[in-house]
């Protein structure tokens, strides 16, 4: 069990270090970094490499933003088998809609409760 926590921490840390290096070394904006990590997760998922990473690292692979790309690809692939091309589009939103909705709701609540820095 200790090994599971260790590898979760290491893998999640490596993903975060990659993102931080993109900020500091490559001087990419947060939007570019976010997009890169989501696309990287989607590509790894498309090649069947992200699920074994999740099995190995657990939360270390499911919590970072790369997991969102994985969820998009998994949803699209599952629904495309049942509904064809339309399933590719609807599958992405079906799997990720709760997370997107929560981000919108909590962002709105945060905007109501706190003043933006000006």
N, C-alpha and C. Protein backbone atom coordinates (compact mmCIF):
# COMPACT_ATOMS: atom_id res chain seq x y z
N UNK A 1 0.83 -1.19 0.00
CA UNK A 1 0.00 0.00 0.00
C UNK A 1 0.88 1.26 0.00
N UNK A 2 1.96 1.23 0.71
CA UNK A 2 2.88 2.37 0.72
C UNK A 2 3.44 2.60 -0.67
N UNK A 3 3.73 1.51 -1.39
CA UNK A 3 4.25 1.64 -2.76
C UNK A 3 3.24 2.32 -3.67
N UNK A 4 1.95 2.01 -3.48
CA UNK A 4 0.91 2.64 -4.30
C UNK A 4 0.88 4.15 -4.06
N UNK A 5 0.97 4.57 -2.81
CA UNK A 5 1.01 6.01 -2.51
C UNK A 5 2.27 6.65 -3.08
N UNK A 6 3.39 5.96 -2.96
CA UNK A 6 4.65 6.48 -3.47
C UNK A 6 4.58 6.73 -4.97
N UNK A 7 4.13 5.71 -5.73
CA UNK A 7 4.10 5.86 -7.18
C UNK A 7 3.04 6.86 -7.63
N UNK A 8 1.96 6.96 -6.89
CA UNK A 8 0.95 7.97 -7.20
C UNK A 8 1.55 9.37 -7.05
N UNK A 9 2.28 9.57 -5.97
CA UNK A 9 2.94 10.85 -5.73
C UNK A 9 3.99 11.15 -6.80
N UNK A 10 4.78 10.15 -7.16
CA UNK A 10 5.85 10.35 -8.14
C UNK A 10 5.28 10.68 -9.52
N UNK A 11 4.32 9.89 -9.98
CA UNK A 11 3.76 10.11 -11.32
C UNK A 11 3.01 11.44 -11.38
N UNK A 12 2.18 11.73 -10.38
CA UNK A 12 1.49 13.02 -10.34
C UNK A 12 2.48 14.17 -10.28
N UNK A 13 3.55 13.99 -9.52
CA UNK A 13 4.59 15.01 -9.43
C UNK A 13 5.29 15.24 -10.75
N UNK A 14 5.56 14.16 -11.47
CA UNK A 14 6.23 14.30 -12.77
C UNK A 14 5.35 15.08 -13.75
N UNK A 15 4.06 14.78 -13.74
CA UNK A 15 3.14 15.52 -14.62
C UNK A 15 3.15 17.00 -14.26
N UNK A 16 3.13 17.30 -12.97
CA UNK A 16 3.15 18.71 -12.53
C UNK A 16 4.48 19.38 -12.84
N UNK A 17 5.59 18.65 -12.72
CA UNK A 17 6.90 19.21 -13.06
C UNK A 17 6.95 19.54 -14.55
N UNK A 18 6.39 18.68 -15.38
CA UNK A 18 6.35 18.97 -16.82
C UNK A 18 5.60 20.28 -17.07
N UNK A 19 4.45 20.44 -16.43
CA UNK A 19 3.69 21.68 -16.57
C UNK A 19 4.47 22.89 -16.07
N UNK A 20 5.15 22.74 -14.94
CA UNK A 20 5.92 23.87 -14.39
C UNK A 20 7.09 24.23 -15.30
N UNK A 21 7.74 23.23 -15.87
CA UNK A 21 8.84 23.50 -16.81
C UNK A 21 8.34 24.22 -18.06
N UNK A 22 7.12 23.89 -18.46
CA UNK A 22 6.55 24.58 -19.61
C UNK A 22 6.35 26.07 -19.30
N UNK A 23 5.97 26.37 -18.06
CA UNK A 23 5.84 27.77 -17.64
C UNK A 23 7.21 28.45 -17.58
N UNK A 24 8.13 27.83 -16.84
CA UNK A 24 9.39 28.48 -16.50
C UNK A 24 10.42 28.46 -17.62
N UNK A 25 10.61 27.33 -18.26
CA UNK A 25 11.66 27.19 -19.26
C UNK A 25 11.17 27.58 -20.65
N UNK A 26 10.02 27.04 -21.04
CA UNK A 26 9.50 27.31 -22.38
C UNK A 26 8.74 28.64 -22.44
N UNK A 27 8.46 29.23 -21.27
CA UNK A 27 7.74 30.51 -21.19
C UNK A 27 6.38 30.45 -21.87
N UNK A 28 5.71 29.30 -21.77
CA UNK A 28 4.38 29.17 -22.34
C UNK A 28 3.35 29.77 -21.39
N UNK A 29 2.26 30.23 -21.93
CA UNK A 29 1.17 30.78 -21.12
C UNK A 29 0.42 29.64 -20.46
N UNK A 30 -0.36 29.94 -19.42
CA UNK A 30 -1.16 28.89 -18.80
C UNK A 30 -2.11 28.20 -19.79
N UNK A 31 -2.66 28.95 -20.72
CA UNK A 31 -3.58 28.37 -21.71
C UNK A 31 -2.85 27.37 -22.61
N UNK A 32 -1.63 27.74 -23.05
CA UNK A 32 -0.86 26.82 -23.89
C UNK A 32 -0.47 25.56 -23.12
N UNK A 33 -0.07 25.74 -21.87
CA UNK A 33 0.33 24.61 -21.04
C UNK A 33 -0.85 23.68 -20.79
N UNK A 34 -1.99 24.25 -20.45
CA UNK A 34 -3.20 23.48 -20.22
C UNK A 34 -3.58 22.69 -21.46
N UNK A 35 -3.57 23.35 -22.60
CA UNK A 35 -3.92 22.69 -23.86
C UNK A 35 -2.95 21.56 -24.18
N UNK A 36 -1.65 21.81 -23.99
CA UNK A 36 -0.65 20.79 -24.26
C UNK A 36 -0.87 19.56 -23.39
N UNK A 37 -1.13 19.76 -22.10
CA UNK A 37 -1.29 18.62 -21.19
C UNK A 37 -2.57 17.84 -21.50
N UNK A 38 -3.64 18.53 -21.85
CA UNK A 38 -4.88 17.83 -22.21
C UNK A 38 -4.67 17.02 -23.49
N UNK A 39 -4.03 17.62 -24.48
CA UNK A 39 -3.77 16.90 -25.74
C UNK A 39 -2.82 15.74 -25.51
N UNK A 40 -1.82 15.92 -24.64
CA UNK A 40 -0.90 14.82 -24.34
C UNK A 40 -1.65 13.65 -23.70
N UNK A 41 -2.56 13.95 -22.79
CA UNK A 41 -3.38 12.89 -22.18
C UNK A 41 -4.27 12.20 -23.20
N UNK A 42 -4.81 12.97 -24.14
CA UNK A 42 -5.66 12.40 -25.19
C UNK A 42 -4.84 11.50 -26.12
N UNK A 43 -3.65 11.94 -26.47
CA UNK A 43 -2.80 11.13 -27.36
C UNK A 43 -2.38 9.84 -26.67
N UNK A 44 -1.96 9.95 -25.40
CA UNK A 44 -1.59 8.74 -24.66
C UNK A 44 -2.78 7.78 -24.56
N UNK A 45 -3.96 8.32 -24.36
CA UNK A 45 -5.16 7.49 -24.28
C UNK A 45 -5.46 6.84 -25.63
N UNK A 46 -5.30 7.60 -26.70
CA UNK A 46 -5.55 7.07 -28.04
C UNK A 46 -4.64 5.90 -28.38
N UNK A 47 -3.42 5.93 -27.88
CA UNK A 47 -2.49 4.83 -28.11
C UNK A 47 -2.60 3.74 -27.05
N UNK A 48 -3.56 3.89 -26.13
CA UNK A 48 -3.77 2.87 -25.11
C UNK A 48 -2.74 2.88 -24.00
N UNK A 49 -2.08 4.01 -23.79
CA UNK A 49 -1.03 4.10 -22.78
C UNK A 49 -1.48 4.75 -21.47
N UNK A 50 -2.59 5.46 -21.49
CA UNK A 50 -3.00 6.18 -20.27
C UNK A 50 -3.68 5.26 -19.26
N UNK A 51 -4.45 4.30 -19.71
CA UNK A 51 -5.11 3.38 -18.77
C UNK A 51 -4.10 2.57 -17.96
N UNK A 52 -3.03 2.03 -18.59
CA UNK A 52 -2.02 1.36 -17.76
C UNK A 52 -1.35 2.32 -16.77
N UNK A 53 -1.20 3.58 -17.15
CA UNK A 53 -0.64 4.57 -16.23
C UNK A 53 -1.57 4.78 -15.04
N UNK A 54 -2.87 4.82 -15.30
CA UNK A 54 -3.85 4.95 -14.21
C UNK A 54 -3.82 3.71 -13.32
N UNK A 55 -3.73 2.54 -13.92
CA UNK A 55 -3.64 1.31 -13.12
C UNK A 55 -2.41 1.31 -12.23
N UNK A 56 -1.31 1.87 -12.73
CA UNK A 56 -0.06 1.89 -11.99
C UNK A 56 -0.03 2.99 -10.94
N UNK A 57 -0.46 4.20 -11.31
CA UNK A 57 -0.29 5.36 -10.44
C UNK A 57 -1.57 5.80 -9.74
N UNK A 58 -2.71 5.28 -10.08
CA UNK A 58 -3.96 5.66 -9.42
C UNK A 58 -4.25 7.14 -9.54
N UNK A 59 -4.45 7.79 -8.39
CA UNK A 59 -4.79 9.22 -8.37
C UNK A 59 -3.68 10.09 -8.94
N UNK A 60 -2.45 9.61 -8.95
CA UNK A 60 -1.36 10.37 -9.54
C UNK A 60 -1.55 10.60 -11.02
N UNK A 61 -2.36 9.76 -11.66
CA UNK A 61 -2.65 9.91 -13.09
C UNK A 61 -4.07 10.41 -13.35
N UNK A 62 -4.98 10.25 -12.38
CA UNK A 62 -6.37 10.67 -12.62
C UNK A 62 -6.65 12.10 -12.18
N UNK A 63 -5.86 12.64 -11.28
CA UNK A 63 -6.13 14.00 -10.80
C UNK A 63 -5.57 15.08 -11.72
N UNK A 64 -4.36 14.96 -12.28
CA UNK A 64 -3.86 16.03 -13.15
C UNK A 64 -4.73 16.21 -14.40
N UNK A 65 -4.56 17.34 -15.05
CA UNK A 65 -5.38 17.73 -16.20
C UNK A 65 -5.22 16.77 -17.38
N UNK A 66 -4.14 16.01 -17.42
CA UNK A 66 -3.97 15.05 -18.51
C UNK A 66 -5.10 14.02 -18.52
N UNK A 67 -5.68 13.77 -17.36
CA UNK A 67 -6.78 12.82 -17.25
C UNK A 67 -8.02 13.32 -17.98
N UNK A 68 -8.17 14.63 -18.12
CA UNK A 68 -9.31 15.18 -18.86
C UNK A 68 -9.22 14.78 -20.33
N UNK A 69 -8.03 14.84 -20.90
CA UNK A 69 -7.83 14.38 -22.28
C UNK A 69 -8.14 12.91 -22.41
N UNK A 70 -7.74 12.13 -21.42
CA UNK A 70 -8.05 10.70 -21.39
C UNK A 70 -9.56 10.48 -21.37
N UNK A 71 -10.26 11.24 -20.54
CA UNK A 71 -11.72 11.09 -20.45
C UNK A 71 -12.41 11.45 -21.76
N UNK A 72 -11.92 12.50 -22.42
CA UNK A 72 -12.51 12.90 -23.70
C UNK A 72 -12.38 11.78 -24.74
N UNK A 73 -11.19 11.22 -24.84
CA UNK A 73 -10.96 10.16 -25.83
C UNK A 73 -11.75 8.90 -25.48
N UNK A 74 -11.76 8.51 -24.20
CA UNK A 74 -12.52 7.32 -23.82
C UNK A 74 -14.01 7.48 -24.11
N UNK A 75 -14.56 8.63 -23.78
CA UNK A 75 -15.97 8.88 -24.06
C UNK A 75 -16.27 8.85 -25.54
N UNK A 76 -15.42 9.46 -26.33
CA UNK A 76 -15.62 9.49 -27.78
C UNK A 76 -15.52 8.09 -28.37
N UNK A 77 -14.57 7.30 -27.91
CA UNK A 77 -14.40 5.95 -28.45
C UNK A 77 -15.55 5.03 -28.07
N UNK A 78 -16.02 5.13 -26.84
CA UNK A 78 -17.14 4.28 -26.40
C UNK A 78 -18.41 4.60 -27.18
N UNK A 79 -18.72 5.87 -27.29
CA UNK A 79 -19.96 6.25 -27.97
C UNK A 79 -19.87 6.06 -29.49
N UNK A 80 -18.67 6.16 -30.06
CA UNK A 80 -18.54 5.97 -31.50
C UNK A 80 -18.83 4.52 -31.89
N UNK A 81 -18.57 3.59 -31.00
CA UNK A 81 -18.88 2.19 -31.28
C UNK A 81 -20.38 1.95 -31.33
N UNK A 82 -21.13 2.71 -30.55
CA UNK A 82 -22.58 2.54 -30.51
C UNK A 82 -23.31 3.42 -31.52
N UNK A 83 -22.83 4.67 -31.71
CA UNK A 83 -23.58 5.64 -32.50
C UNK A 83 -22.83 6.20 -33.69
N UNK A 84 -21.66 5.71 -33.98
CA UNK A 84 -20.90 6.17 -35.14
C UNK A 84 -20.32 7.56 -34.93
N UNK A 85 -20.31 8.34 -36.01
CA UNK A 85 -19.68 9.65 -35.98
C UNK A 85 -20.35 10.60 -34.99
N UNK A 86 -21.66 10.53 -34.87
CA UNK A 86 -22.37 11.38 -33.91
C UNK A 86 -21.92 11.04 -32.49
N UNK A 87 -21.67 9.78 -32.22
CA UNK A 87 -21.21 9.35 -30.91
C UNK A 87 -19.86 9.92 -30.52
N UNK A 88 -19.01 10.20 -31.52
CA UNK A 88 -17.71 10.81 -31.23
C UNK A 88 -17.92 12.16 -30.55
N UNK A 89 -18.83 12.95 -31.08
CA UNK A 89 -19.09 14.29 -30.51
C UNK A 89 -19.85 14.22 -29.20
N UNK A 90 -20.88 13.41 -29.15
CA UNK A 90 -21.69 13.36 -27.93
C UNK A 90 -20.98 12.63 -26.81
N UNK A 91 -20.15 11.66 -27.12
CA UNK A 91 -19.45 10.89 -26.10
C UNK A 91 -18.50 11.73 -25.28
N UNK A 92 -17.82 12.66 -25.94
CA UNK A 92 -16.89 13.53 -25.21
C UNK A 92 -17.62 14.34 -24.15
N UNK A 93 -18.78 14.86 -24.51
CA UNK A 93 -19.51 15.71 -23.59
C UNK A 93 -20.26 14.91 -22.54
N UNK A 94 -20.69 13.71 -22.87
CA UNK A 94 -21.41 12.88 -21.92
C UNK A 94 -20.51 12.51 -20.74
N UNK A 95 -19.28 12.16 -21.02
CA UNK A 95 -18.36 11.72 -19.97
C UNK A 95 -17.86 12.90 -19.14
N UNK A 96 -17.64 14.04 -19.75
CA UNK A 96 -17.02 15.16 -19.06
C UNK A 96 -17.99 16.25 -18.62
N UNK A 97 -19.27 16.08 -18.89
CA UNK A 97 -20.22 17.17 -18.62
C UNK A 97 -20.32 17.52 -17.14
N UNK A 98 -20.23 16.56 -16.25
CA UNK A 98 -20.35 16.88 -14.82
C UNK A 98 -19.17 17.73 -14.36
N UNK A 99 -17.97 17.42 -14.81
CA UNK A 99 -16.80 18.22 -14.44
C UNK A 99 -16.86 19.62 -15.00
N UNK A 100 -17.29 19.73 -16.25
CA UNK A 100 -17.41 21.06 -16.87
C UNK A 100 -18.49 21.87 -16.16
N UNK A 101 -19.61 21.24 -15.86
CA UNK A 101 -20.70 21.94 -15.16
C UNK A 101 -20.26 22.40 -13.78
N UNK A 102 -19.55 21.55 -13.06
CA UNK A 102 -19.06 21.93 -11.73
C UNK A 102 -18.10 23.10 -11.82
N UNK A 103 -17.22 23.11 -12.81
CA UNK A 103 -16.29 24.23 -12.98
C UNK A 103 -17.03 25.53 -13.23
N UNK A 104 -18.08 25.48 -14.04
CA UNK A 104 -18.86 26.69 -14.33
C UNK A 104 -19.59 27.18 -13.09
N UNK A 105 -20.24 26.27 -12.37
CA UNK A 105 -21.00 26.66 -11.17
C UNK A 105 -20.09 27.22 -10.09
N UNK A 106 -18.99 26.51 -9.79
CA UNK A 106 -18.10 26.97 -8.74
C UNK A 106 -17.35 28.24 -9.14
N UNK A 107 -17.05 28.39 -10.43
CA UNK A 107 -16.45 29.64 -10.90
C UNK A 107 -17.40 30.81 -10.73
N UNK A 108 -18.68 30.59 -11.01
CA UNK A 108 -19.68 31.63 -10.84
C UNK A 108 -19.83 32.01 -9.37
N UNK A 109 -19.90 31.00 -8.50
CA UNK A 109 -20.01 31.26 -7.06
C UNK A 109 -18.78 32.02 -6.56
N UNK A 110 -17.60 31.61 -7.02
CA UNK A 110 -16.37 32.30 -6.63
C UNK A 110 -16.38 33.75 -7.08
N UNK A 111 -16.90 34.00 -8.28
CA UNK A 111 -16.96 35.37 -8.79
C UNK A 111 -17.93 36.22 -7.98
N UNK A 112 -18.99 35.61 -7.46
CA UNK A 112 -19.94 36.36 -6.64
C UNK A 112 -19.38 36.66 -5.26
N UNK A 113 -18.62 35.75 -4.70
CA UNK A 113 -18.15 35.89 -3.33
C UNK A 113 -16.87 36.72 -3.17
N UNK A 114 -16.02 36.75 -4.17
CA UNK A 114 -14.71 37.37 -4.03
C UNK A 114 -14.52 38.48 -5.07
N UNK A 115 -13.76 39.50 -4.68
CA UNK A 115 -13.42 40.57 -5.60
C UNK A 115 -12.21 40.15 -6.44
N UNK A 116 -12.24 40.45 -7.72
CA UNK A 116 -11.05 40.16 -8.53
C UNK A 116 -9.94 41.14 -8.18
N UNK A 117 -8.71 40.66 -8.33
CA UNK A 117 -7.57 41.57 -8.09
C UNK A 117 -7.51 42.54 -9.24
N UNK A 118 -7.29 43.76 -8.92
CA UNK A 118 -7.38 44.76 -9.97
C UNK A 118 -6.20 45.55 -10.20
